[in-house]
Amino acid sequence: MSTALVHRPTEYSALSSQRAIQTPPAEWIADRLLEARATRDRYGARVLDCLLDRALGLTEGDAP
C-alpha cells in the first residue's frame, strides 16, 4: 500500500467552481406545466410546479 499523499481541492476551491443554476422565465415554466398536465405527465407536472414556485419566489427556506 502506498503512503503517497492524495492532493484534493480545498472546500473553498470546490465550492467556487460551482455555478448557480439560472431558473427559466416563469412564463416558459407555466407553458411547460400546462403541457405536462394536458398529457397527464404527473411527475413532470410536479417538478415544473416546484420550479414555478421557485421562479415566483413562493418557496420557503434557502432553496438553491
C-alpha atoms as a PDB file:
ATOM      1  CA  MET A   1       0.000   0.000   0.000  1.00  0.00           C
ATOM      2  CA  SER A   2       1.335   3.396  -0.961  1.00  0.00           C
ATOM      3  CA  THR A   3       1.761   6.184   1.552  1.00  0.00           C
ATOM      4  CA  ALA A   4       1.686   8.914  -1.099  1.00  0.00           C
ATOM      5  CA  LEU A   5      -0.372  11.970  -0.295  1.00  0.00           C
ATOM      6  CA  VAL A   6      -3.528  12.461  -2.295  1.00  0.00           C
ATOM      7  CA  HIS A   7      -3.949  16.054  -3.366  1.00  0.00           C
ATOM      8  CA  ARG A   8      -7.551  17.149  -3.007  1.00  0.00           C
ATOM      9  CA  PRO A   9      -9.029  20.580  -3.684  1.00  0.00           C
ATOM     10  CA  THR A  10      -9.961  22.616  -0.658  1.00  0.00           C
ATOM     11  CA  GLU A  11     -13.587  23.115   0.214  1.00  0.00           C
ATOM     12  CA  TYR A  12     -13.448  26.739  -0.943  1.00  0.00           C
ATOM     13  CA  SER A  13     -11.973  25.757  -4.277  1.00  0.00           C
ATOM     14  CA  ALA A  14     -14.556  23.016  -4.807  1.00  0.00           C
ATOM     15  CA  LEU A  15     -17.460  25.293  -3.935  1.00  0.00           C
ATOM     16  CA  SER A  16     -16.224  28.224  -6.002  1.00  0.00           C
ATOM     17  CA  SER A  17     -16.228  26.095  -9.136  1.00  0.00           C
ATOM     18  CA  GLN A  18     -19.994  25.574  -8.850  1.00  0.00           C
ATOM     19  CA  ARG A  19     -22.166  27.950 -10.846  1.00  0.00           C
ATOM     20  CA  ALA A  20     -25.637  28.957  -9.767  1.00  0.00           C
ATOM     21  CA  ILE A  21     -28.340  27.393 -11.901  1.00  0.00           C
ATOM     22  CA  GLN A  22     -30.482  30.022 -13.548  1.00  0.00           C
ATOM     23  CA  THR A  23     -34.210  29.448 -13.375  1.00  0.00           C
ATOM     24  CA  PRO A  24     -36.017  29.773 -16.717  1.00  0.00           C
ATOM     25  CA  PRO A  25     -38.629  32.539 -17.053  1.00  0.00           C
ATOM     26  CA  ALA A  26     -41.897  31.885 -15.237  1.00  0.00           C
ATOM     27  CA  GLU A  27     -43.889  32.120 -18.498  1.00  0.00           C
ATOM     28  CA  TRP A  28     -41.826  29.316 -20.055  1.00  0.00           C
ATOM     29  CA  ILE A  29     -42.266  27.123 -16.976  1.00  0.00           C
ATOM     30  CA  ALA A  30     -46.019  27.788 -16.891  1.00  0.00           C
ATOM     31  CA  ASP A  31     -46.349  26.782 -20.551  1.00  0.00           C
ATOM     32  CA  ARG A  32     -44.464  23.513 -19.933  1.00  0.00           C
ATOM     33  CA  LEU A  33     -46.561  22.883 -16.823  1.00  0.00           C
ATOM     34  CA  LEU A  34     -49.765  23.187 -18.854  1.00  0.00           C
ATOM     35  CA  GLU A  35     -48.366  20.774 -21.448  1.00  0.00           C
ATOM     36  CA  ALA A  36     -47.391  18.266 -18.747  1.00  0.00           C
ATOM     37  CA  ARG A  37     -50.855  18.401 -17.213  1.00  0.00           C
ATOM     38  CA  ALA A  38     -52.513  18.063 -20.628  1.00  0.00           C
ATOM     39  CA  THR A  39     -50.504  14.909 -21.360  1.00  0.00           C
ATOM     40  CA  ARG A  40     -51.113  13.579 -17.821  1.00  0.00           C
ATOM     41  CA  ASP A  41     -47.407  13.619 -17.003  1.00  0.00           C
ATOM     42  CA  ARG A  42     -47.743  13.651 -13.214  1.00  0.00           C
ATOM     43  CA  TYR A  43     -44.018  13.553 -12.477  1.00  0.00           C
ATOM     44  CA  GLY A  44     -43.184  16.323 -14.946  1.00  0.00           C
ATOM     45  CA  ALA A  45     -46.069  18.428 -13.669  1.00  0.00           C
ATOM     46  CA  ARG A  46     -44.854  18.066 -10.094  1.00  0.00           C
ATOM     47  CA  VAL A  47     -41.285  19.055 -10.966  1.00  0.00           C
ATOM     48  CA  LEU A  48     -42.431  22.015 -13.059  1.00  0.00           C
ATOM     49  CA  ASP A  49     -44.851  23.108 -10.335  1.00  0.00           C
ATOM     50  CA  CYS A  50     -41.997  23.245  -7.807  1.00  0.00           C
ATOM     51  CA  LEU A  51     -39.795  25.050 -10.332  1.00  0.00           C
ATOM     52  CA  LEU A  52     -42.540  27.611 -10.956  1.00  0.00           C
ATOM     53  CA  ASP A  53     -42.844  28.214  -7.211  1.00  0.00           C
ATOM     54  CA  ARG A  54     -39.100  28.890  -7.090  1.00  0.00           C
ATOM     55  CA  ALA A  55     -39.248  31.212 -10.098  1.00  0.00           C
ATOM     56  CA  LEU A  56     -42.056  33.217  -8.487  1.00  0.00           C
ATOM     57  CA  GLY A  57     -40.371  33.270  -5.073  1.00  0.00           C
ATOM     58  CA  LEU A  58     -43.105  31.284  -3.327  1.00  0.00           C
ATOM     59  CA  THR A  59     -40.792  28.796  -1.607  1.00  0.00           C
ATOM     60  CA  GLU A  60     -39.678  28.853   1.998  1.00  0.00           C
ATOM     61  CA  GLY A  61     -36.098  28.464   3.130  1.00  0.00           C
ATOM     62  CA  ASP A  62     -32.861  28.641   1.203  1.00  0.00           C
ATOM     63  CA  ALA A  63     -33.524  26.663  -1.958  1.00  0.00           C
ATOM     64  CA  PRO A  64     -30.622  26.693  -4.454  1.00  0.00           C
END
